[in-house]
PDB file of all heavy atoms in Angstrom:
ATOM      1  N   GLN A   1      61.407  14.219  22.714  1.00  0.00           N
ATOM      2  CA  GLN A   1      60.323  14.321  23.691  1.00  0.00           C
ATOM      3  C   GLN A   1      59.074  13.562  23.259  1.00  0.00           C
ATOM      4  O   GLN A   1      58.301  13.100  24.105  1.00  0.00           O
ATOM      5  CB  GLN A   1      59.989  15.789  23.945  1.00  0.00           C
ATOM      6  CG  GLN A   1      61.120  16.537  24.637  1.00  0.00           C
ATOM      7  CD  GLN A   1      60.727  17.945  25.039  1.00  0.00           C
ATOM      8  OE1 GLN A   1      59.716  18.481  24.582  1.00  0.00           O
ATOM      9  NE2 GLN A   1      61.526  18.555  25.902  1.00  0.00           N
ATOM     10  N   LEU A   2      58.847  13.453  21.952  1.00  0.00           N
ATOM     11  CA  LEU A   2      57.642  12.793  21.459  1.00  0.00           C
ATOM     12  C   LEU A   2      57.894  11.344  21.085  1.00  0.00           C
ATOM     13  O   LEU A   2      57.030  10.684  20.516  1.00  0.00           O
ATOM     14  CB  LEU A   2      57.076  13.558  20.254  1.00  0.00           C
ATOM     15  CG  LEU A   2      56.712  15.015  20.517  1.00  0.00           C
ATOM     16  CD1 LEU A   2      56.136  15.657  19.268  1.00  0.00           C
ATOM     17  CD2 LEU A   2      55.721  15.121  21.659  1.00  0.00           C
ATOM     18  N   ASP A   3      59.096  10.858  21.400  1.00  0.00           N
ATOM     19  CA  ASP A   3      59.454   9.470  21.116  1.00  0.00           C
ATOM     20  C   ASP A   3      59.287   9.145  19.628  1.00  0.00           C
ATOM     21  O   ASP A   3      58.859   8.052  19.256  1.00  0.00           O
ATOM     22  CB  ASP A   3      58.603   8.516  21.969  1.00  0.00           C
ATOM     23  CG  ASP A   3      59.222   7.126  22.049  1.00  0.00           C
ATOM     24  OD1 ASP A   3      60.450   7.020  21.897  1.00  0.00           O
ATOM     25  OD2 ASP A   3      58.468   6.152  22.239  1.00  0.00           O
ATOM     26  N   LEU A   4      59.619  10.111  18.795  1.00  0.00           N
ATOM     27  CA  LEU A   4      59.629   9.891  17.352  1.00  0.00           C
ATOM     28  C   LEU A   4      60.935   9.222  16.956  1.00  0.00           C
ATOM     29  O   LEU A   4      61.983   9.517  17.535  1.00  0.00           O
ATOM     30  CB  LEU A   4      59.519  11.224  16.601  1.00  0.00           C
ATOM     31  CG  LEU A   4      58.132  11.797  16.363  1.00  0.00           C
ATOM     32  CD1 LEU A   4      58.235  13.263  15.973  1.00  0.00           C
ATOM     33  CD2 LEU A   4      57.404  11.019  15.285  1.00  0.00           C
ATOM     34  N   PRO A   5      60.889   8.338  15.961  1.00  0.00           N
ATOM     35  CA  PRO A   5      62.150   7.784  15.467  1.00  0.00           C
ATOM     36  C   PRO A   5      62.997   8.887  14.840  1.00  0.00           C
ATOM     37  O   PRO A   5      62.468   9.863  14.307  1.00  0.00           O
ATOM     38  CB  PRO A   5      61.693   6.770  14.407  1.00  0.00           C
ATOM     39  CG  PRO A   5      60.345   7.249  13.976  1.00  0.00           C
ATOM     40  CD  PRO A   5      59.720   7.865  15.196  1.00  0.00           C
ATOM     41  N   GLU A   6      64.308   8.733  14.928  1.00  0.00           N
ATOM     42  CA  GLU A   6      65.178   9.680  14.249  1.00  0.00           C
ATOM     43  C   GLU A   6      64.876   9.644  12.756  1.00  0.00           C
ATOM     44  O   GLU A   6      64.618   8.567  12.191  1.00  0.00           O
ATOM     45  CB  GLU A   6      66.648   9.334  14.495  1.00  0.00           C
ATOM     46  CG  GLU A   6      67.135   9.707  15.881  1.00  0.00           C
ATOM     47  CD  GLU A   6      67.123  11.210  16.109  1.00  0.00           C
ATOM     48  OE1 GLU A   6      67.575  11.951  15.224  1.00  0.00           O
ATOM     49  OE2 GLU A   6      66.658  11.644  17.181  1.00  0.00           O
ATOM     50  N   PRO A   7      64.877  10.790  12.088  1.00  0.00           N
ATOM     51  CA  PRO A   7      64.594  10.788  10.650  1.00  0.00           C
ATOM     52  C   PRO A   7      65.570   9.886   9.888  1.00  0.00           C
ATOM     53  O   PRO A   7      66.765   9.845  10.209  1.00  0.00           O
ATOM     54  CB  PRO A   7      64.786  12.258  10.252  1.00  0.00           C
ATOM     55  CG  PRO A   7      64.606  13.022  11.519  1.00  0.00           C
ATOM     56  CD  PRO A   7      65.121  12.139  12.610  1.00  0.00           C
ATOM     57  N   ASP A   8      65.043   9.162   8.915  1.00  0.00           N
ATOM     58  CA  ASP A   8      65.901   8.344   8.070  1.00  0.00           C
ATOM     59  C   ASP A   8      66.787   9.216   7.187  1.00  0.00           C
ATOM     60  O   ASP A   8      67.874   8.796   6.788  1.00  0.00           O
ATOM     61  CB  ASP A   8      65.043   7.415   7.203  1.00  0.00           C
ATOM     62  CG  ASP A   8      64.284   6.414   8.048  1.00  0.00           C
ATOM     63  OD1 ASP A   8      64.904   5.428   8.476  1.00  0.00           O
ATOM     64  OD2 ASP A   8      63.089   6.635   8.300  1.00  0.00           O
ATOM     65  N   ILE A   9      66.302  10.407   6.882  1.00  0.00           N
ATOM     66  CA  ILE A   9      67.080  11.334   6.085  1.00  0.00           C
ATOM     67  C   ILE A   9      66.715  12.759   6.456  1.00  0.00           C
ATOM     68  O   ILE A   9      65.545  13.061   6.722  1.00  0.00           O
ATOM     69  CB  ILE A   9      66.873  11.094   4.564  1.00  0.00           C
ATOM     70  CG1 ILE A   9      67.856  11.939   3.744  1.00  0.00           C
ATOM     71  CG2 ILE A   9      65.442  11.349   4.158  1.00  0.00           C
ATOM     72  CD1 ILE A   9      67.936  11.528   2.289  1.00  0.00           C
ATOM     73  N   ASN A  10      67.694  13.625   6.534  1.00  0.00           N
ATOM     74  CA  ASN A  10      67.481  15.052   6.775  1.00  0.00           C
ATOM     75  C   ASN A  10      68.041  15.790   5.579  1.00  0.00           C
ATOM     76  O   ASN A  10      69.239  15.715   5.295  1.00  0.00           O
ATOM     77  CB  ASN A  10      68.173  15.496   8.064  1.00  0.00           C
ATOM     78  CG  ASN A  10      67.793  16.910   8.484  1.00  0.00           C
ATOM     79  OD1 ASN A  10      67.670  17.803   7.636  1.00  0.00           O
ATOM     80  ND2 ASN A  10      67.630  17.136   9.772  1.00  0.00           N
ATOM     81  N   LEU A  11      67.176  16.497   4.858  1.00  0.00           N
ATOM     82  CA  LEU A  11      67.595  17.174   3.637  1.00  0.00           C
ATOM     83  C   LEU A  11      68.381  18.449   3.900  1.00  0.00           C
ATOM     84  O   LEU A  11      69.019  18.981   2.987  1.00  0.00           O
ATOM     85  CB  LEU A  11      66.368  17.495   2.774  1.00  0.00           C
ATOM     86  CG  LEU A  11      65.562  16.296   2.272  1.00  0.00           C
ATOM     87  CD1 LEU A  11      64.372  16.773   1.447  1.00  0.00           C
ATOM     88  CD2 LEU A  11      66.430  15.344   1.460  1.00  0.00           C
ATOM     89  N   GLY A  12      68.312  18.977   5.120  1.00  0.00           N
ATOM     90  CA  GLY A  12      69.090  20.155   5.456  1.00  0.00           C
ATOM     91  C   GLY A  12      68.747  21.383   4.636  1.00  0.00           C
ATOM     92  O   GLY A  12      69.628  22.182   4.309  1.00  0.00           O
ATOM     93  N   VAL A  13      67.466  21.573   4.364  1.00  0.00           N
ATOM     94  CA  VAL A  13      67.044  22.697   3.517  1.00  0.00           C
ATOM     95  C   VAL A  13      67.348  24.044   4.164  1.00  0.00           C
ATOM     96  O   VAL A  13      67.845  24.963   3.518  1.00  0.00           O
ATOM     97  CB  VAL A  13      65.536  22.570   3.185  1.00  0.00           C
ATOM     98  CG1 VAL A  13      65.003  23.857   2.570  1.00  0.00           C
ATOM     99  CG2 VAL A  13      65.306  21.393   2.249  1.00  0.00           C
ATOM    100  N   GLY A  14      67.060  24.186   5.440  1.00  0.00           N
ATOM    101  CA  GLY A  14      67.353  25.434   6.130  1.00  0.00           C
ATOM    102  C   GLY A  14      66.434  26.569   5.739  1.00  0.00           C
ATOM    103  O   GLY A  14      65.370  26.372   5.156  1.00  0.00           O
ATOM    104  N   SER A  15      66.861  27.784   6.074  1.00  0.00           N
ATOM    105  CA  SER A  15      66.023  28.955   5.833  1.00  0.00           C
ATOM    106  C   SER A  15      66.224  29.463   4.415  1.00  0.00           C
ATOM    107  O   SER A  15      67.048  28.953   3.659  1.00  0.00           O
ATOM    108  CB  SER A  15      66.357  30.052   6.840  1.00  0.00           C
ATOM    109  OG  SER A  15      67.714  30.429   6.704  1.00  0.00           O
ATOM    110  N   GLY A  16      65.458  30.495   4.066  1.00  0.00           N
ATOM    111  CA  GLY A  16      65.526  31.081   2.735  1.00  0.00           C
ATOM    112  C   GLY A  16      64.160  31.580   2.329  1.00  0.00           C
ATOM    113  O   GLY A  16      63.184  31.468   3.077  1.00  0.00           O
ATOM    114  N   SER A  17      64.057  32.124   1.139  1.00  0.00           N
ATOM    115  CA  SER A  17      62.770  32.581   0.632  1.00  0.00           C
ATOM    116  C   SER A  17      61.844  31.384   0.435  1.00  0.00           C
ATOM    117  O   SER A  17      62.292  30.226   0.405  1.00  0.00           O
ATOM    118  CB  SER A  17      62.951  33.302  -0.701  1.00  0.00           C
ATOM    119  OG  SER A  17      63.322  32.374  -1.712  1.00  0.00           O
ATOM    120  N   HIS A  18      60.553  31.662   0.283  1.00  0.00           N
ATOM    121  CA  HIS A  18      59.604  30.569   0.048  1.00  0.00           C
ATOM    122  C   HIS A  18      59.996  29.779  -1.187  1.00  0.00           C
ATOM    123  O   HIS A  18      59.960  28.542  -1.185  1.00  0.00           O
ATOM    124  CB  HIS A  18      58.183  31.130  -0.101  1.00  0.00           C
ATOM    125  CG  HIS A  18      57.588  31.588   1.187  1.00  0.00           C
ATOM    126  ND1 HIS A  18      57.055  30.718   2.111  1.00  0.00           N
ATOM    127  CD2 HIS A  18      57.447  32.831   1.719  1.00  0.00           C
ATOM    128  CE1 HIS A  18      56.613  31.406   3.161  1.00  0.00           C
ATOM    129  NE2 HIS A  18      56.842  32.684   2.942  1.00  0.00           N
ATOM    130  N   ALA A  19      60.370  30.464  -2.260  1.00  0.00           N
ATOM    131  CA  ALA A  19      60.726  29.772  -3.496  1.00  0.00           C
ATOM    132  C   ALA A  19      61.965  28.912  -3.307  1.00  0.00           C
ATOM    133  O   ALA A  19      61.997  27.745  -3.720  1.00  0.00           O
ATOM    134  CB  ALA A  19      60.952  30.796  -4.613  1.00  0.00           C
ATOM    135  N   ARG A  20      62.987  29.467  -2.677  1.00  0.00           N
ATOM    136  CA  ARG A  20      64.231  28.723  -2.479  1.00  0.00           C
ATOM    137  C   ARG A  20      64.010  27.515  -1.577  1.00  0.00           C
ATOM    138  O   ARG A  20      64.489  26.405  -1.863  1.00  0.00           O
ATOM    139  CB  ARG A  20      65.284  29.670  -1.873  1.00  0.00           C
ATOM    140  CG  ARG A  20      66.612  29.022  -1.522  1.00  0.00           C
ATOM    141  CD  ARG A  20      67.368  28.565  -2.757  1.00  0.00           C
ATOM    142  NE  ARG A  20      68.642  27.970  -2.415  1.00  0.00           N
ATOM    143  CZ  ARG A  20      69.780  28.670  -2.284  1.00  0.00           C
ATOM    144  NH1 ARG A  20      69.767  29.981  -2.479  1.00  0.00           N
ATOM    145  NH2 ARG A  20      70.915  28.056  -2.001  1.00  0.00           N
ATOM    146  N   GLN A  21      63.299  27.719  -0.486  1.00  0.00           N
ATOM    147  CA  GLN A  21      63.066  26.634   0.462  1.00  0.00           C
ATOM    148  C   GLN A  21      62.265  25.509  -0.189  1.00  0.00           C
ATOM    149  O   GLN A  21      62.599  24.321  -0.056  1.00  0.00           O
ATOM    150  CB  GLN A  21      62.319  27.192   1.673  1.00  0.00           C
ATOM    151  CG  GLN A  21      62.426  26.368   2.925  1.00  0.00           C
ATOM    152  CD  GLN A  21      61.816  27.094   4.118  1.00  0.00           C
ATOM    153  OE1 GLN A  21      60.625  27.397   4.114  1.00  0.00           O
ATOM    154  NE2 GLN A  21      62.625  27.362   5.127  1.00  0.00           N
ATOM    155  N   THR A  22      61.203  25.874  -0.902  1.00  0.00           N
ATOM    156  CA  THR A  22      60.364  24.873  -1.555  1.00  0.00           C
ATOM    157  C   THR A  22      61.125  24.151  -2.649  1.00  0.00           C
ATOM    158  O   THR A  22      61.044  22.922  -2.783  1.00  0.00           O
ATOM    159  CB  THR A  22      59.094  25.537  -2.123  1.00  0.00           C
ATOM    160  OG1 THR A  22      58.425  26.262  -1.085  1.00  0.00           O
ATOM    161  CG2 THR A  22      58.144  24.491  -2.697  1.00  0.00           C
ATOM    162  N   ALA A  23      61.891  24.906  -3.445  1.00  0.00           N
ATOM    163  CA  ALA A  23      62.647  24.299  -4.538  1.00  0.00           C
ATOM    164  C   ALA A  23      63.708  23.332  -4.023  1.00  0.00           C
ATOM    165  O   ALA A  23      63.878  22.225  -4.564  1.00  0.00           O
ATOM    166  CB  ALA A  23      63.295  25.388  -5.388  1.00  0.00           C
ATOM    167  N   ASP A  24      64.430  23.723  -2.979  1.00  0.00           N
ATOM    168  CA  ASP A  24      65.452  22.842  -2.423  1.00  0.00           C
ATOM    169  C   ASP A  24      64.832  21.555  -1.870  1.00  0.00           C
ATOM    170  O   ASP A  24      65.386  20.458  -2.040  1.00  0.00           O
ATOM    171  CB  ASP A  24      66.228  23.566  -1.318  1.00  0.00           C
ATOM    172  CG  ASP A  24      67.185  24.618  -1.855  1.00  0.00           C
ATOM    173  OD1 ASP A  24      67.381  24.677  -3.092  1.00  0.00           O
ATOM    174  OD2 ASP A  24      67.729  25.388  -1.035  1.00  0.00           O
ATOM    175  N   ALA A  25      63.686  21.696  -1.201  1.00  0.00           N
ATOM    176  CA  ALA A  25      63.008  20.506  -0.681  1.00  0.00           C
ATOM    177  C   ALA A  25      62.532  19.608  -1.825  1.00  0.00           C
ATOM    178  O   ALA A  25      62.663  18.378  -1.763  1.00  0.00           O
ATOM    179  CB  ALA A  25      61.832  20.911   0.199  1.00  0.00           C
ATOM    180  N   MET A  26      61.981  20.202  -2.874  1.00  0.00           N
ATOM    181  CA  MET A  26      61.508  19.413  -4.022  1.00  0.00           C
ATOM    182  C   MET A  26      62.655  18.653  -4.672  1.00  0.00           C
ATOM    183  O   MET A  26      62.510  17.481  -5.047  1.00  0.00           O
ATOM    184  CB  MET A  26      60.822  20.322  -5.035  1.00  0.00           C
ATOM    185  CG  MET A  26      59.474  20.849  -4.590  1.00  0.00           C
ATOM    186  SD  MET A  26      58.667  21.886  -5.850  1.00  0.00           S
ATOM    187  CE  MET A  26      58.231  20.620  -7.067  1.00  0.00           C
ATOM    188  N   THR A  27      63.789  19.308  -4.822  1.00  0.00           N
ATOM    189  CA  THR A  27      64.931  18.652  -5.458  1.00  0.00           C
ATOM    190  C   THR A  27      65.378  17.427  -4.667  1.00  0.00           C
ATOM    191  O   THR A  27      65.594  16.345  -5.226  1.00  0.00           O
ATOM    192  CB  THR A  27      66.097  19.647  -5.599  1.00  0.00           C
ATOM    193  OG1 THR A  27      65.675  20.765  -6.387  1.00  0.00           O
ATOM    194  CG2 THR A  27      67.295  18.991  -6.261  1.00  0.00           C
ATOM    195  N   GLY A  28      65.518  17.586  -3.355  1.00  0.00           N
ATOM    196  CA  GLY A  28      65.925  16.462  -2.527  1.00  0.00           C
ATOM    197  C   GLY A  28      64.886  15.363  -2.473  1.00  0.00           C
ATOM    198  O   GLY A  28      65.210  14.163  -2.536  1.00  0.00           O
ATOM    199  N   LEU A  29      63.614  15.754  -2.375  1.00  0.00           N
ATOM    200  CA  LEU A  29      62.550  14.758  -2.279  1.00  0.00           C
ATOM    201  C   LEU A  29      62.347  14.001  -3.589  1.00  0.00           C
ATOM    202  O   LEU A  29      62.033  12.808  -3.574  1.00  0.00           O
ATOM    203  CB  LEU A  29      61.244  15.444  -1.864  1.00  0.00           C
ATOM    204  CG  LEU A  29      61.187  15.921  -0.410  1.00  0.00           C
ATOM    205  CD1 LEU A  29      60.017  16.873  -0.202  1.00  0.00           C
ATOM    206  CD2 LEU A  29      61.087  14.737   0.551  1.00  0.00           C
ATOM    207  N   GLU A  30      62.531  14.671  -4.700  1.00  0.00           N
ATOM    208  CA  GLU A  30      62.349  13.993  -5.987  1.00  0.00           C
ATOM    209  C   GLU A  30      63.342  12.842  -6.137  1.00  0.00           C
ATOM    210  O   GLU A  30      62.969  11.733  -6.544  1.00  0.00           O
ATOM    211  CB  GLU A  30      62.520  14.985  -7.130  1.00  0.00           C
ATOM    212  CG  GLU A  30      62.279  14.349  -8.505  1.00  0.00           C
ATOM    213  CD  GLU A  30      62.441  15.349  -9.626  1.00  0.00           C
ATOM    214  OE1 GLU A  30      63.495  16.018  -9.667  1.00  0.00           O
ATOM    215  OE2 GLU A  30      61.532  15.458 -10.459  1.00  0.00           O
ATOM    216  N   ALA A  31      64.599  13.091  -5.815  1.00  0.00           N
ATOM    217  CA  ALA A  31      65.599  12.023  -5.918  1.00  0.00           C
ATOM    218  C   ALA A  31      65.258  10.872  -4.977  1.00  0.00           C
ATOM    219  O   ALA A  31      65.363   9.690  -5.347  1.00  0.00           O
ATOM    220  CB  ALA A  31      66.979  12.593  -5.602  1.00  0.00           C
ATOM    221  N   LEU A  32      64.851  11.202  -3.763  1.00  0.00           N
ATOM    222  CA  LEU A  32      64.517  10.178  -2.783  1.00  0.00           C
ATOM    223  C   LEU A  32      63.317   9.348  -3.223  1.00  0.00           C
ATOM    224  O   LEU A  32      63.343   8.103  -3.185  1.00  0.00           O
ATOM    225  CB  LEU A  32      64.235  10.847  -1.430  1.00  0.00           C
ATOM    226  CG  LEU A  32      63.749   9.937  -0.309  1.00  0.00           C
ATOM    227  CD1 LEU A  32      64.828   8.958   0.089  1.00  0.00           C
ATOM    228  CD2 LEU A  32      63.291  10.767   0.886  1.00  0.00           C
ATOM    229  N   MET A  33      62.251  10.019  -3.661  1.00  0.00           N
ATOM    230  CA  MET A  33      61.029   9.301  -4.033  1.00  0.00           C
ATOM    231  C   MET A  33      61.207   8.501  -5.307  1.00  0.00           C
ATOM    232  O   MET A  33      60.644   7.403  -5.449  1.00  0.00           O
ATOM    233  CB  MET A  33      59.872  10.290  -4.165  1.00  0.00           C
ATOM    234  CG  MET A  33      59.438  10.915  -2.870  1.00  0.00           C
ATOM    235  SD  MET A  33      58.012  12.012  -3.131  1.00  0.00           S
ATOM    236  CE  MET A  33      57.978  12.906  -1.591  1.00  0.00           C
ATOM    237  N   ALA A  34      61.966   9.028  -6.245  1.00  0.00           N
ATOM    238  CA  ALA A  34      62.201   8.289  -7.482  1.00  0.00           C
ATOM    239  C   ALA A  34      62.955   6.992  -7.201  1.00  0.00           C
ATOM    240  O   ALA A  34      62.728   5.965  -7.855  1.00  0.00           O
ATOM    241  CB  ALA A  34      62.983   9.153  -8.469  1.00  0.00           C
TER     242      ALA A  34
END
């Protein structure tokens, strides 16, 4: 609806506790950014 490009990558973090969600996102993002 907002004419955004499709994401180049979807980490698929999903739901979970704050710690789990943040940690899973950090793990995926670290590999990508490095």
